[in-house]
Amino acid sequence: MRRLLLRTVSMVLFTSSVVDASEVTGTFSGQTTHVDDASNILPPEIAVGASVSGVFRYETAGVTETRFFNVVQYEFPDGDLEISVTVANHTWTAVTSGFNRSEVANDEMTLRDELALSTNTATALFPFNQGRGKVEFDIRDESPPYELVDDTELPLTNADLNPTAADAHRSIVWSRPLSGPGGWTIRFDVSAVDLSTPLPVSSSTWSVIKDLFR
């Protein structure tokens, strides 16, 4: 069920369903805003101000959506959400495996528009891995009239997303040891997002990666 009008007050506050099938590729760019390297393992070129680029890909077929007013949480099947982030020529790629949760929030009732995609560690594609890690792509518009996302659906095209409206950035790449102190964190902003131009290698690479999680 798509494009529900959630501004109307209803007795049904919490629903769950599976969204229609689409495949989306988005590219993004920005810069590093914070680096915390407790493990002293990151190279010096990974520093505040370093350029960031990346890509996210997701399939909505089989995605479970749970709605609570104007916040919708999305649970992807294994392998159906991938995020890659490159900072100073170092690339981290994470693909959904096990529990994962992404979220879209929309306007007045939540006091924000938000697109938050979150994926787990893909160990072989996660440099400087300390044992576990994550990539989170999270942009927010916390100022009225809240124009970042169109409705609470996962964006499918550029018409569904206005990244210039984002005024809060919580995107992050991190890795931690399985136990004990240490680890590292890289925070970055996102200045541009494009959902209209998939990467040329996306189809073949995407199918190979997904097969690993089937």
C-alpha atoms as a PDB file:
ATOM      1  CA  MET A   1       0.000   0.000   0.000  1.00  0.00           C
ATOM      2  CA  ARG A   2       1.645   3.207  -1.165  1.00  0.00           C
ATOM      3  CA  ARG A   3       1.247   6.944  -0.706  1.00  0.00           C
ATOM      4  CA  LEU A   4      -0.944   6.858   2.359  1.00  0.00           C
ATOM      5  CA  LEU A   5      -2.054  10.289   3.517  1.00  0.00           C
ATOM      6  CA  LEU A   6      -0.845  10.251   7.115  1.00  0.00           C
ATOM      7  CA  ARG A   7      -1.764  13.771   8.172  1.00  0.00           C
ATOM      8  CA  THR A   8      -5.338  12.696   8.972  1.00  0.00           C
ATOM      9  CA  VAL A   9      -5.725  11.654  12.616  1.00  0.00           C
ATOM     10  CA  SER A  10      -6.753   7.998  12.711  1.00  0.00           C
ATOM     11  CA  MET A  11      -7.378   5.335  15.307  1.00  0.00           C
ATOM     12  CA  VAL A  12      -4.840   3.170  13.471  1.00  0.00           C
ATOM     13  CA  LEU A  13      -1.432   4.357  14.674  1.00  0.00           C
ATOM     14  CA  PHE A  14       0.731   1.328  13.934  1.00  0.00           C
ATOM     15  CA  THR A  15       0.592  -0.741  10.747  1.00  0.00           C
ATOM     16  CA  SER A  16       2.888  -3.117   8.903  1.00  0.00           C
ATOM     17  CA  SER A  17       2.936  -4.075   5.221  1.00  0.00           C
ATOM     18  CA  VAL A  18       5.187  -4.911   2.263  1.00  0.00           C
ATOM     19  CA  VAL A  19       5.876  -2.155  -0.280  1.00  0.00           C
ATOM     20  CA  ASP A  20       5.643  -2.419  -4.058  1.00  0.00           C
ATOM     21  CA  ALA A  21       8.683  -3.571  -6.062  1.00  0.00           C
ATOM     22  CA  SER A  22      11.230  -1.065  -7.349  1.00  0.00           C
ATOM     23  CA  GLU A  23      15.021  -0.909  -7.613  1.00  0.00           C
ATOM     24  CA  VAL A  24      16.764   2.371  -6.793  1.00  0.00           C
ATOM     25  CA  THR A  25      20.351   3.556  -7.188  1.00  0.00           C
ATOM     26  CA  GLY A  26      21.469   6.864  -5.710  1.00  0.00           C
ATOM     27  CA  THR A  27      24.840   8.584  -5.715  1.00  0.00           C
ATOM     28  CA  PHE A  28      25.884  11.201  -3.168  1.00  0.00           C
ATOM     29  CA  SER A  29      28.783  13.486  -2.256  1.00  0.00           C
ATOM     30  CA  GLY A  30      29.890  15.598   0.688  1.00  0.00           C
ATOM     31  CA  GLN A  31      32.807  16.011   3.059  1.00  0.00           C
ATOM     32  CA  THR A  32      34.123  14.641   6.341  1.00  0.00           C
ATOM     33  CA  THR A  33      33.072  16.625   9.415  1.00  0.00           C
ATOM     34  CA  HIS A  34      34.515  14.554  12.283  1.00  0.00           C
ATOM     35  CA  VAL A  35      37.086  11.771  12.731  1.00  0.00           C
ATOM     36  CA  ASP A  36      37.586   9.848  15.979  1.00  0.00           C
ATOM     37  CA  ASP A  37      40.328   7.218  15.746  1.00  0.00           C
ATOM     38  CA  ALA A  38      40.691   5.610  19.173  1.00  0.00           C
ATOM     39  CA  SER A  39      42.453   2.618  17.609  1.00  0.00           C
ATOM     40  CA  ASN A  40      44.989   4.856  15.831  1.00  0.00           C
ATOM     41  CA  ILE A  41      44.546   2.852  12.652  1.00  0.00           C
ATOM     42  CA  LEU A  42      43.178   5.294  10.070  1.00  0.00           C
ATOM     43  CA  PRO A  43      45.637   6.864   7.595  1.00  0.00           C
ATOM     44  CA  PRO A  44      46.287  10.628   7.868  1.00  0.00           C
ATOM     45  CA  GLU A  45      44.426  11.473   4.653  1.00  0.00           C
ATOM     46  CA  ILE A  46      41.164  10.537   6.387  1.00  0.00           C
ATOM     47  CA  ALA A  47      40.661  13.867   8.125  1.00  0.00           C
ATOM     48  CA  VAL A  48      38.096  16.607   8.596  1.00  0.00           C
ATOM     49  CA  GLY A  49      37.425  18.242   5.244  1.00  0.00           C
ATOM     50  CA  ALA A  50      38.285  15.174   3.155  1.00  0.00           C
ATOM     51  CA  SER A  51      35.944  14.635   0.215  1.00  0.00           C
ATOM     52  CA  VAL A  52      33.257  11.961   0.464  1.00  0.00           C
ATOM     53  CA  SER A  53      31.400  10.181  -2.319  1.00  0.00           C
ATOM     54  CA  GLY A  54      29.209   7.146  -2.324  1.00  0.00           C
ATOM     55  CA  VAL A  55      26.304   5.145  -3.644  1.00  0.00           C
ATOM     56  CA  PHE A  56      23.316   3.415  -2.127  1.00  0.00           C
ATOM     57  CA  ARG A  57      21.207   0.774  -3.823  1.00  0.00           C
ATOM     58  CA  TYR A  58      18.044  -0.850  -2.596  1.00  0.00           C
ATOM     59  CA  GLU A  59      15.233  -3.077  -3.770  1.00  0.00           C
ATOM     60  CA  THR A  60      11.777  -2.505  -2.324  1.00  0.00           C
ATOM     61  CA  ALA A  61      10.447  -5.950  -3.273  1.00  0.00           C
ATOM     62  CA  GLY A  62       9.861  -7.803  -0.018  1.00  0.00           C
ATOM     63  CA  VAL A  63      10.704  -4.821   2.182  1.00  0.00           C
ATOM     64  CA  THR A  64       8.554  -4.696   5.305  1.00  0.00           C
ATOM     65  CA  GLU A  65       7.296  -1.259   6.303  1.00  0.00           C
ATOM     66  CA  THR A  66       6.011  -0.356   9.748  1.00  0.00           C
ATOM     67  CA  ARG A  67       4.135   2.937  10.089  1.00  0.00           C
ATOM     68  CA  PHE A  68       3.637   5.065  13.174  1.00  0.00           C
ATOM     69  CA  PHE A  69       2.001   8.344  12.236  1.00  0.00           C
ATOM     70  CA  ASN A  70       4.446  10.088   9.868  1.00  0.00           C
ATOM     71  CA  VAL A  71       7.438   7.844  10.622  1.00  0.00           C
ATOM     72  CA  VAL A  72       7.910   4.684   8.550  1.00  0.00           C
ATOM     73  CA  GLN A  73      10.547   2.080   9.368  1.00  0.00           C
ATOM     74  CA  TYR A  74      11.741  -0.234   6.585  1.00  0.00           C
ATOM     75  CA  GLU A  75      13.212  -3.690   7.116  1.00  0.00           C
ATOM     76  CA  PHE A  76      15.131  -4.979   4.064  1.00  0.00           C
ATOM     77  CA  PRO A  77      15.670  -8.666   3.260  1.00  0.00           C
ATOM     78  CA  ASP A  78      19.308  -9.751   3.376  1.00  0.00           C
ATOM     79  CA  GLY A  79      21.297  -8.272   0.497  1.00  0.00           C
ATOM     80  CA  ASP A  80      18.626  -5.822  -0.649  1.00  0.00           C
ATOM     81  CA  LEU A  81      20.251  -2.647   0.705  1.00  0.00           C
ATOM     82  CA  GLU A  82      23.870  -1.699   0.004  1.00  0.00           C
ATOM     83  CA  ILE A  83      25.735   1.486   0.878  1.00  0.00           C
ATOM     84  CA  SER A  84      29.300   2.271  -0.220  1.00  0.00           C
ATOM     85  CA  VAL A  85      31.174   5.308   1.082  1.00  0.00           C
ATOM     86  CA  THR A  86      34.543   6.534  -0.203  1.00  0.00           C
ATOM     87  CA  VAL A  87      36.670   8.895   1.881  1.00  0.00           C
ATOM     88  CA  ALA A  88      40.073   9.940   0.552  1.00  0.00           C
ATOM     89  CA  ASN A  89      40.238   6.923  -1.810  1.00  0.00           C
ATOM     90  CA  HIS A  90      39.274   4.416   0.889  1.00  0.00           C
ATOM     91  CA  THR A  91      35.930   2.677   0.312  1.00  0.00           C
ATOM     92  CA  TRP A  92      33.650   0.969   2.825  1.00  0.00           C
ATOM     93  CA  THR A  93      30.764  -1.180   1.600  1.00  0.00           C
ATOM     94  CA  ALA A  94      28.070  -2.632   3.822  1.00  0.00           C
ATOM     95  CA  VAL A  95      25.134  -4.815   2.805  1.00  0.00           C
ATOM     96  CA  THR A  96      22.071  -5.732   4.837  1.00  0.00           C
ATOM     97  CA  SER A  97      22.424  -9.010   6.703  1.00  0.00           C
ATOM     98  CA  GLY A  98      20.341  -9.988   9.720  1.00  0.00           C
ATOM     99  CA  PHE A  99      18.502  -7.270  11.617  1.00  0.00           C
ATOM    100  CA  ASN A 100      18.503  -3.879   9.920  1.00  0.00           C
ATOM    101  CA  ARG A 101      16.272  -0.826  10.006  1.00  0.00           C
ATOM    102  CA  SER A 102      15.963   2.241   7.806  1.00  0.00           C
ATOM    103  CA  GLU A 103      13.530   5.100   8.258  1.00  0.00           C
ATOM    104  CA  VAL A 104      11.663   7.866   6.472  1.00  0.00           C
ATOM    105  CA  ALA A 105      10.001  10.630   8.509  1.00  0.00           C
ATOM    106  CA  ASN A 106       7.742  13.329   7.080  1.00  0.00           C
ATOM    107  CA  ASP A 107       6.848  16.860   8.238  1.00  0.00           C
ATOM    108  CA  GLU A 108       4.624  18.356  10.924  1.00  0.00           C
ATOM    109  CA  MET A 109       3.925  15.464  13.272  1.00  0.00           C
ATOM    110  CA  THR A 110       7.604  14.502  13.537  1.00  0.00           C
ATOM    111  CA  LEU A 111       9.059  18.051  13.350  1.00  0.00           C
ATOM    112  CA  ARG A 112      11.469  16.817  10.689  1.00  0.00           C
ATOM    113  CA  ASP A 113      11.853  15.235   7.281  1.00  0.00           C
ATOM    114  CA  GLU A 114      14.414  12.440   7.328  1.00  0.00           C
ATOM    115  CA  LEU A 115      15.906   9.786   5.090  1.00  0.00           C
ATOM    116  CA  ALA A 116      17.960   7.327   7.121  1.00  0.00           C
ATOM    117  CA  LEU A 117      19.461   4.209   5.490  1.00  0.00           C
ATOM    118  CA  SER A 118      21.490   1.856   7.661  1.00  0.00           C
ATOM    119  CA  THR A 119      23.494  -1.275   6.766  1.00  0.00           C
ATOM    120  CA  ASN A 120      25.725  -3.769   8.515  1.00  0.00           C
ATOM    121  CA  THR A 121      29.367  -4.644   7.951  1.00  0.00           C
ATOM    122  CA  ALA A 122      30.439  -6.608   4.905  1.00  0.00           C
ATOM    123  CA  THR A 123      33.780  -7.689   6.367  1.00  0.00           C
ATOM    124  CA  ALA A 124      35.716  -8.286   3.142  1.00  0.00           C
ATOM    125  CA  LEU A 125      34.720  -4.841   1.864  1.00  0.00           C
ATOM    126  CA  PHE A 126      35.315  -2.922   5.089  1.00  0.00           C
ATOM    127  CA  PRO A 127      38.925  -1.651   5.434  1.00  0.00           C
ATOM    128  CA  PHE A 128      40.409  -1.078   8.885  1.00  0.00           C
ATOM    129  CA  ASN A 129      37.693  -3.343  10.283  1.00  0.00           C
ATOM    130  CA  GLN A 130      37.976  -3.752  14.056  1.00  0.00           C
ATOM    131  CA  GLY A 131      35.503  -6.623  14.256  1.00  0.00           C
ATOM    132  CA  ARG A 132      32.120  -5.033  13.573  1.00  0.00           C
ATOM    133  CA  GLY A 133      30.973  -1.911  11.818  1.00  0.00           C
ATOM    134  CA  LYS A 134      28.234  -0.023  10.087  1.00  0.00           C
ATOM    135  CA  VAL A 135      27.470   2.558   7.426  1.00  0.00           C
ATOM    136  CA  GLU A 136      24.611   4.987   8.027  1.00  0.00           C
ATOM    137  CA  PHE A 137      23.343   7.469   5.436  1.00  0.00           C
ATOM    138  CA  ASP A 138      21.175   9.941   7.369  1.00  0.00           C
ATOM    139  CA  ILE A 139      20.040  13.402   6.240  1.00  0.00           C
ATOM    140  CA  ARG A 140      17.381  15.565   7.909  1.00  0.00           C
ATOM    141  CA  ASP A 141      15.399  18.745   7.375  1.00  0.00           C
ATOM    142  CA  GLU A 142      14.526  20.098  10.834  1.00  0.00           C
ATOM    143  CA  SER A 143      13.170  23.475   9.740  1.00  0.00           C
ATOM    144  CA  PRO A 144       9.605  24.185   8.550  1.00  0.00           C
ATOM    145  CA  PRO A 145       8.183  23.676   5.950  1.00  0.00           C
ATOM    146  CA  TYR A 146      10.127  20.360   5.955  1.00  0.00           C
ATOM    147  CA  GLU A 147      10.851  19.794   2.267  1.00  0.00           C
ATOM    148  CA  LEU A 148      13.446  17.012   2.234  1.00  0.00           C
ATOM    149  CA  VAL A 149      11.255  14.027   1.353  1.00  0.00           C
ATOM    150  CA  ASP A 150       7.949  13.634  -0.457  1.00  0.00           C
ATOM    151  CA  ASP A 151       5.616  11.663   1.821  1.00  0.00           C
ATOM    152  CA  THR A 152       6.957   8.733   3.858  1.00  0.00           C
ATOM    153  CA  GLU A 153       7.841   6.368   1.022  1.00  0.00           C
ATOM    154  CA  LEU A 154      11.380   5.332   0.163  1.00  0.00           C
ATOM    155  CA  PRO A 155      12.409   7.799  -2.586  1.00  0.00           C
ATOM    156  CA  LEU A 156      12.408   6.345  -6.078  1.00  0.00           C
ATOM    157  CA  THR A 157      13.472   9.369  -8.197  1.00  0.00           C
ATOM    158  CA  ASN A 158      14.895  12.852  -7.722  1.00  0.00           C
ATOM    159  CA  ALA A 159      11.331  14.181  -7.562  1.00  0.00           C
ATOM    160  CA  ASP A 160      10.908  12.373  -4.220  1.00  0.00           C
ATOM    161  CA  LEU A 161      13.959  13.918  -2.546  1.00  0.00           C
ATOM    162  CA  ASN A 162      15.228  17.489  -2.110  1.00  0.00           C
ATOM    163  CA  PRO A 163      18.719  17.178  -0.545  1.00  0.00           C
ATOM    164  CA  THR A 164      19.292  20.959  -0.599  1.00  0.00           C
ATOM    165  CA  ALA A 165      16.690  21.178   2.186  1.00  0.00           C
ATOM    166  CA  ALA A 166      18.816  19.059   4.532  1.00  0.00           C
ATOM    167  CA  ASP A 167      20.095  21.053   7.505  1.00  0.00           C
ATOM    168  CA  ALA A 168      21.200  18.182   9.749  1.00  0.00           C
ATOM    169  CA  HIS A 169      23.594  15.395   8.799  1.00  0.00           C
ATOM    170  CA  ARG A 170      24.107  12.228  10.836  1.00  0.00           C
ATOM    171  CA  SER A 171      25.796  10.066   8.218  1.00  0.00           C
ATOM    172  CA  ILE A 172      28.556   7.922   9.631  1.00  0.00           C
ATOM    173  CA  VAL A 173      30.976   5.046   9.032  1.00  0.00           C
ATOM    174  CA  TRP A 174      32.269   3.268  12.107  1.00  0.00           C
ATOM    175  CA  SER A 175      33.982   0.114  13.328  1.00  0.00           C
ATOM    176  CA  ARG A 176      34.391  -1.237  16.856  1.00  0.00           C
ATOM    177  CA  PRO A 177      36.120  -4.258  18.393  1.00  0.00           C
ATOM    178  CA  LEU A 178      33.855  -7.166  19.286  1.00  0.00           C
ATOM    179  CA  SER A 179      34.783  -6.465  22.894  1.00  0.00           C
ATOM    180  CA  GLY A 180      36.768  -3.858  24.780  1.00  0.00           C
ATOM    181  CA  PRO A 181      37.681  -0.254  23.908  1.00  0.00           C
ATOM    182  CA  GLY A 182      38.964   1.153  20.637  1.00  0.00           C
ATOM    183  CA  GLY A 183      37.531   1.553  17.198  1.00  0.00           C
ATOM    184  CA  TRP A 184      37.025   4.544  14.957  1.00  0.00           C
ATOM    185  CA  THR A 185      34.268   6.835  13.661  1.00  0.00           C
ATOM    186  CA  ILE A 186      34.015   8.987  10.533  1.00  0.00           C
ATOM    187  CA  ARG A 187      31.114  11.455  10.302  1.00  0.00           C
ATOM    188  CA  PHE A 188      30.257  13.239   7.074  1.00  0.00           C
ATOM    189  CA  ASP A 189      27.713  15.612   5.603  1.00  0.00           C
ATOM    190  CA  VAL A 190      25.895  15.115   2.305  1.00  0.00           C
ATOM    191  CA  SER A 191      25.743  18.075  -0.070  1.00  0.00           C
ATOM    192  CA  ALA A 192      24.265  16.358  -3.147  1.00  0.00           C
ATOM    193  CA  VAL A 193      22.200  13.269  -3.947  1.00  0.00           C
ATOM    194  CA  ASP A 194      21.270  11.987  -7.405  1.00  0.00           C
ATOM    195  CA  LEU A 195      18.709   9.219  -7.899  1.00  0.00           C
ATOM    196  CA  SER A 196      18.617   9.527 -11.675  1.00  0.00           C
ATOM    197  CA  THR A 197      22.020   8.250 -12.846  1.00  0.00           C
ATOM    198  CA  PRO A 198      22.941   4.704 -11.749  1.00  0.00           C
ATOM    199  CA  LEU A 199      26.599   3.724 -11.848  1.00  0.00           C
ATOM    200  CA  PRO A 200      27.512   1.854 -15.074  1.00  0.00           C
ATOM    201  CA  VAL A 201      28.645  -1.230 -13.141  1.00  0.00           C
ATOM    202  CA  SER A 202      25.681  -1.314 -10.791  1.00  0.00           C
ATOM    203  CA  SER A 203      23.680  -4.108 -12.436  1.00  0.00           C
ATOM    204  CA  SER A 204      26.416  -6.750 -12.524  1.00  0.00           C
ATOM    205  CA  THR A 205      27.970  -5.796  -9.188  1.00  0.00           C
ATOM    206  CA  TRP A 206      24.607  -5.556  -7.461  1.00  0.00           C
ATOM    207  CA  SER A 207      23.498  -9.020  -8.599  1.00  0.00           C
ATOM    208  CA  VAL A 208      26.766 -10.607  -7.448  1.00  0.00           C
ATOM    209  CA  ILE A 209      26.571  -8.963  -4.024  1.00  0.00           C
ATOM    210  CA  LYS A 210      22.922  -9.917  -3.534  1.00  0.00           C
ATOM    211  CA  ASP A 211      23.647 -13.554  -4.385  1.00  0.00           C
ATOM    212  CA  LEU A 212      26.028 -13.720  -1.412  1.00  0.00           C
ATOM    213  CA  PHE A 213      23.124 -13.082   0.936  1.00  0.00           C
ATOM    214  CA  ARG A 214      20.501 -15.359  -0.596  1.00  0.00           C
END
